[in-house]
N, C-alpha and C. Protein backbone atom coordinates (compact mmCIF):
# COMPACT_ATOMS: atom_id res chain seq x y z
N MET A 1 -107.67 -33.82 9.31
CA MET A 1 -107.63 -33.56 8.02
C MET A 1 -107.29 -31.95 8.16
N ASN A 2 -106.44 -31.87 6.96
CA ASN A 2 -105.57 -30.35 7.03
C ASN A 2 -106.11 -29.83 5.94
N VAL A 3 -106.85 -28.64 6.35
CA VAL A 3 -107.67 -27.67 5.28
C VAL A 3 -106.11 -26.37 5.02
N PRO A 4 -106.05 -26.01 3.76
CA PRO A 4 -105.08 -25.12 3.25
C PRO A 4 -105.82 -23.86 3.86
N ARG A 5 -105.02 -23.16 4.24
CA ARG A 5 -105.42 -21.57 4.64
C ARG A 5 -105.07 -20.69 3.48
N ALA A 6 -106.01 -19.99 3.24
CA ALA A 6 -105.97 -18.85 2.43
C ALA A 6 -104.72 -18.11 2.98
N LYS A 7 -104.08 -17.31 1.95
CA LYS A 7 -103.11 -16.46 1.95
C LYS A 7 -103.56 -15.06 2.79
N GLN A 8 -102.74 -14.74 3.85
CA GLN A 8 -103.44 -13.42 4.74
C GLN A 8 -103.08 -12.20 3.89
N GLN A 9 -103.99 -11.63 3.92
CA GLN A 9 -104.26 -10.02 3.01
C GLN A 9 -103.65 -8.95 3.90
N LYS A 10 -103.29 -7.80 3.48
CA LYS A 10 -102.94 -6.82 4.18
C LYS A 10 -103.60 -5.56 3.79
N ASN A 11 -104.90 -5.28 4.81
CA ASN A 11 -105.52 -4.40 4.70
C ASN A 11 -104.88 -2.85 4.40
N PRO A 12 -105.36 -2.50 3.52
CA PRO A 12 -104.42 -0.68 3.29
C PRO A 12 -104.61 -0.09 4.74
N ASN A 13 -105.74 -0.10 5.20
CA ASN A 13 -106.05 0.69 6.60
C ASN A 13 -105.46 0.12 7.51
N SER A 14 -104.89 -0.87 7.80
CA SER A 14 -104.37 -1.55 8.93
C SER A 14 -103.28 -0.80 9.38
N LEU A 15 -102.41 -0.42 8.76
CA LEU A 15 -101.40 0.22 9.51
C LEU A 15 -101.60 1.61 9.70
N LYS A 16 -102.52 2.44 9.00
CA LYS A 16 -102.72 3.64 9.40
C LYS A 16 -103.71 3.58 10.66
N ASN A 17 -104.39 2.71 10.82
CA ASN A 17 -105.16 2.28 12.05
C ASN A 17 -104.32 2.18 13.52
N LEU A 18 -103.18 1.94 13.43
CA LEU A 18 -102.20 1.42 14.39
C LEU A 18 -101.84 2.77 15.34
N ILE A 19 -101.61 3.97 14.36
CA ILE A 19 -101.72 5.36 15.28
C ILE A 19 -102.76 5.99 15.36
N HIS A 20 -102.87 6.44 16.71
CA HIS A 20 -104.18 7.27 16.51
C HIS A 20 -104.61 7.82 17.85
N GLU A 21 -105.18 8.68 18.16
CA GLU A 21 -104.83 9.30 19.89
C GLU A 21 -105.54 8.13 20.65
N GLY A 22 -104.28 8.37 21.66
CA GLY A 22 -104.23 7.43 22.60
C GLY A 22 -103.06 6.37 22.60
N ARG A 23 -102.51 6.25 21.42
CA ARG A 23 -101.71 5.12 21.28
C ARG A 23 -100.21 5.79 20.84
N PRO A 24 -98.96 5.38 21.42
CA PRO A 24 -97.87 6.32 21.07
C PRO A 24 -97.28 6.08 19.80
N SER A 25 -96.85 7.46 19.06
CA SER A 25 -96.35 7.46 18.22
C SER A 25 -94.73 6.75 17.87
N SER A 26 -94.57 6.56 16.80
CA SER A 26 -93.20 6.14 16.45
C SER A 26 -92.09 7.25 16.28
N LYS A 27 -92.65 8.45 16.11
CA LYS A 27 -91.86 9.57 15.83
C LYS A 27 -91.30 10.06 16.99
N GLN A 28 -90.10 10.68 16.87
CA GLN A 28 -89.99 11.56 18.48
C GLN A 28 -90.14 12.76 18.60
N VAL A 29 -90.33 13.22 20.00
CA VAL A 29 -90.69 14.40 20.13
C VAL A 29 -89.50 15.07 21.30
N TYR A 30 -89.52 16.21 20.79
CA TYR A 30 -88.52 16.78 22.07
C TYR A 30 -87.29 16.11 21.94
N GLY A 31 -86.68 15.39 20.75
CA GLY A 31 -85.85 14.68 20.10
C GLY A 31 -85.50 13.32 21.48
N GLU A 32 -86.69 12.63 21.49
CA GLU A 32 -86.34 11.76 22.54
C GLU A 32 -87.87 10.63 22.23
N PRO A 33 -87.76 9.59 21.91
CA PRO A 33 -88.98 8.78 21.69
C PRO A 33 -89.98 8.83 23.05
N LYS A 34 -91.15 9.05 22.49
CA LYS A 34 -92.54 8.65 23.76
C LYS A 34 -92.45 7.03 23.69
N VAL A 35 -92.91 7.12 25.17
CA VAL A 35 -92.46 5.69 25.88
C VAL A 35 -94.17 5.65 26.50
N GLN A 36 -94.77 4.16 26.23
CA GLN A 36 -96.23 3.89 26.90
C GLN A 36 -96.01 3.89 28.31
N ARG A 37 -97.16 4.64 29.03
CA ARG A 37 -97.47 4.42 30.15
C ARG A 37 -98.65 4.13 30.32
N THR A 38 -98.91 3.71 31.66
CA THR A 38 -100.13 3.16 32.17
C THR A 38 -100.95 4.17 33.04
N LEU A 39 -102.09 4.62 33.20
CA LEU A 39 -102.81 5.39 33.96
C LEU A 39 -104.08 4.84 34.07
N THR A 40 -104.49 5.03 35.23
CA THR A 40 -105.77 4.47 36.02
C THR A 40 -106.45 5.51 36.47
N VAL A 41 -107.68 5.68 35.91
CA VAL A 41 -108.81 6.75 36.06
C VAL A 41 -110.05 6.10 35.97
N THR A 42 -111.10 6.76 36.35
CA THR A 42 -112.73 6.41 36.17
C THR A 42 -113.04 6.84 34.87
N GLU A 43 -114.14 6.46 34.44
CA GLU A 43 -114.25 6.44 33.20
C GLU A 43 -115.08 8.20 33.11
N THR A 44 -115.60 8.58 34.10
CA THR A 44 -115.98 10.08 34.45
C THR A 44 -114.80 10.85 34.39
N GLY A 45 -114.07 10.55 35.21
CA GLY A 45 -112.79 11.36 35.41
C GLY A 45 -111.92 11.42 34.01
N TRP A 46 -111.72 10.32 33.31
CA TRP A 46 -111.40 10.50 31.91
C TRP A 46 -111.84 11.34 31.06
N LYS A 47 -113.34 11.03 30.86
CA LYS A 47 -114.11 11.85 30.11
C LYS A 47 -113.65 13.28 30.11
N GLY A 48 -114.04 13.84 31.23
CA GLY A 48 -113.80 15.14 32.04
C GLY A 48 -112.63 15.53 31.62
N ALA A 49 -111.49 14.83 31.72
CA ALA A 49 -110.14 15.38 31.40
C ALA A 49 -109.88 15.57 29.82
N VAL A 50 -110.44 14.75 29.30
CA VAL A 50 -110.45 14.93 27.75
C VAL A 50 -111.25 15.76 27.20
N ALA A 51 -112.12 16.21 27.80
CA ALA A 51 -112.95 17.54 27.31
C ALA A 51 -112.14 18.74 27.88
N ALA A 52 -111.85 18.87 28.89
CA ALA A 52 -110.79 20.08 29.38
C ALA A 52 -109.93 20.04 28.40
N ILE A 53 -109.05 18.87 28.36
CA ILE A 53 -107.80 19.38 27.52
C ILE A 53 -108.18 19.85 26.28
N LYS A 54 -109.22 19.25 25.44
CA LYS A 54 -109.74 19.88 24.31
C LYS A 54 -110.33 20.87 24.46
N ALA A 55 -110.92 21.65 25.41
CA ALA A 55 -111.16 22.90 25.48
C ALA A 55 -110.14 23.79 25.59
N ALA A 56 -108.91 23.51 26.28
CA ALA A 56 -108.07 24.38 26.72
C ALA A 56 -107.44 24.33 25.50
N GLY A 57 -107.70 23.51 24.25
CA GLY A 57 -106.75 23.74 22.93
C GLY A 57 -105.54 22.73 22.84
N TYR A 58 -105.34 21.65 23.74
CA TYR A 58 -104.56 20.93 23.61
C TYR A 58 -104.92 19.49 22.70
N GLY A 59 -103.90 19.04 21.94
CA GLY A 59 -104.46 17.95 21.06
C GLY A 59 -104.94 16.59 21.59
N SER A 60 -104.11 16.25 22.97
CA SER A 60 -104.52 15.17 23.46
C SER A 60 -103.94 15.22 24.88
N ILE A 61 -104.34 14.40 25.70
CA ILE A 61 -103.63 14.54 27.17
C ILE A 61 -102.35 14.13 27.35
N SER A 62 -101.77 13.20 26.24
CA SER A 62 -100.48 13.21 26.38
C SER A 62 -99.66 14.45 26.04
N ASP A 63 -100.25 15.36 25.12
CA ASP A 63 -99.31 16.73 24.80
C ASP A 63 -99.47 17.47 26.30
N TYR A 64 -100.53 17.28 26.84
CA TYR A 64 -100.93 18.35 28.08
C TYR A 64 -99.82 17.89 29.03
N LEU A 65 -99.70 16.71 29.42
CA LEU A 65 -98.81 16.28 30.21
C LEU A 65 -97.22 16.42 29.99
N GLU A 66 -97.07 16.31 28.84
CA GLU A 66 -95.77 16.34 28.29
C GLU A 66 -95.34 17.86 28.54
N LYS A 67 -96.15 19.03 28.32
CA LYS A 67 -96.09 20.34 28.82
C LYS A 67 -95.75 20.30 30.13
N ILE A 68 -96.92 20.01 31.27
CA ILE A 68 -96.40 19.84 32.51
C ILE A 68 -95.09 19.76 33.03
N GLY A 69 -94.87 18.21 32.41
CA GLY A 69 -93.30 17.57 32.80
C GLY A 69 -92.22 18.63 32.44
N ARG A 70 -92.58 19.26 31.09
CA ARG A 70 -91.39 19.87 30.85
C ARG A 70 -91.69 21.45 31.39
N GLY A 71 -92.39 21.81 32.53
CA GLY A 71 -92.39 23.10 32.85
C GLY A 71 -92.86 23.94 31.83
N GLN A 72 -93.41 23.60 30.74
CA GLN A 72 -94.04 24.63 29.62
C GLN A 72 -95.57 25.15 30.24
N GLU A 73 -96.01 24.68 31.28
CA GLU A 73 -97.44 24.78 31.68
C GLU A 73 -97.41 24.29 33.15
N ILE A 74 -98.03 25.33 33.58
CA ILE A 74 -98.01 25.48 35.43
C ILE A 74 -99.33 24.86 35.79
N LEU A 75 -99.43 24.14 36.72
CA LEU A 75 -100.50 23.75 37.29
C LEU A 75 -100.67 24.55 38.68
N SER A 76 -101.79 25.13 39.03
CA SER A 76 -102.35 25.98 39.96
C SER A 76 -103.28 25.47 40.88
N PRO A 77 -102.80 25.47 42.23
CA PRO A 77 -104.12 24.59 43.19
C PRO A 77 -105.38 25.48 42.86
N ARG A 78 -106.46 24.65 43.23
CA ARG A 78 -107.68 25.39 43.37
C ARG A 78 -108.42 24.70 44.32
N SER A 79 -109.51 25.48 44.51
CA SER A 79 -110.69 24.96 45.83
C SER A 79 -111.24 24.00 45.34
N PRO A 80 -111.61 23.08 46.28
CA PRO A 80 -112.54 22.03 45.72
C PRO A 80 -114.16 22.62 45.04
N ASN A 81 -114.31 23.71 45.41
CA ASN A 81 -115.46 24.66 45.22
C ASN A 81 -115.62 24.73 43.38
N ASP A 82 -113.94 24.97 43.01
CA ASP A 82 -113.94 25.39 41.47
C ASP A 82 -114.24 24.03 40.70
N ILE A 83 -113.79 23.09 40.87
CA ILE A 83 -113.96 21.84 40.28
C ILE A 83 -115.43 21.35 39.97
N THR A 84 -116.01 20.98 38.62
CA THR A 84 -116.80 20.65 38.40
C THR A 84 -117.03 19.47 37.81
N PRO A 85 -117.79 18.18 38.47
CA PRO A 85 -117.62 16.85 37.91
C PRO A 85 -117.80 16.62 36.32
């Protein structure tokens, strides 16, 4: 028996929810579109990185990585004693 399906409606928040922290936006940055990448990290490492990046004043990890890749931020080596988990 075929049951007619109800017409699917569009939730006003659904499009807004598609773009948020951790998902690439459709806007171009530095004159080129962002491309989604895959990163593998432990949960502890991710939470620590997010906290460190936010504490340093960056909006997201991708913002920070973009600056490193463009030479606008410099990573300096640290001794293992300087790193707190």
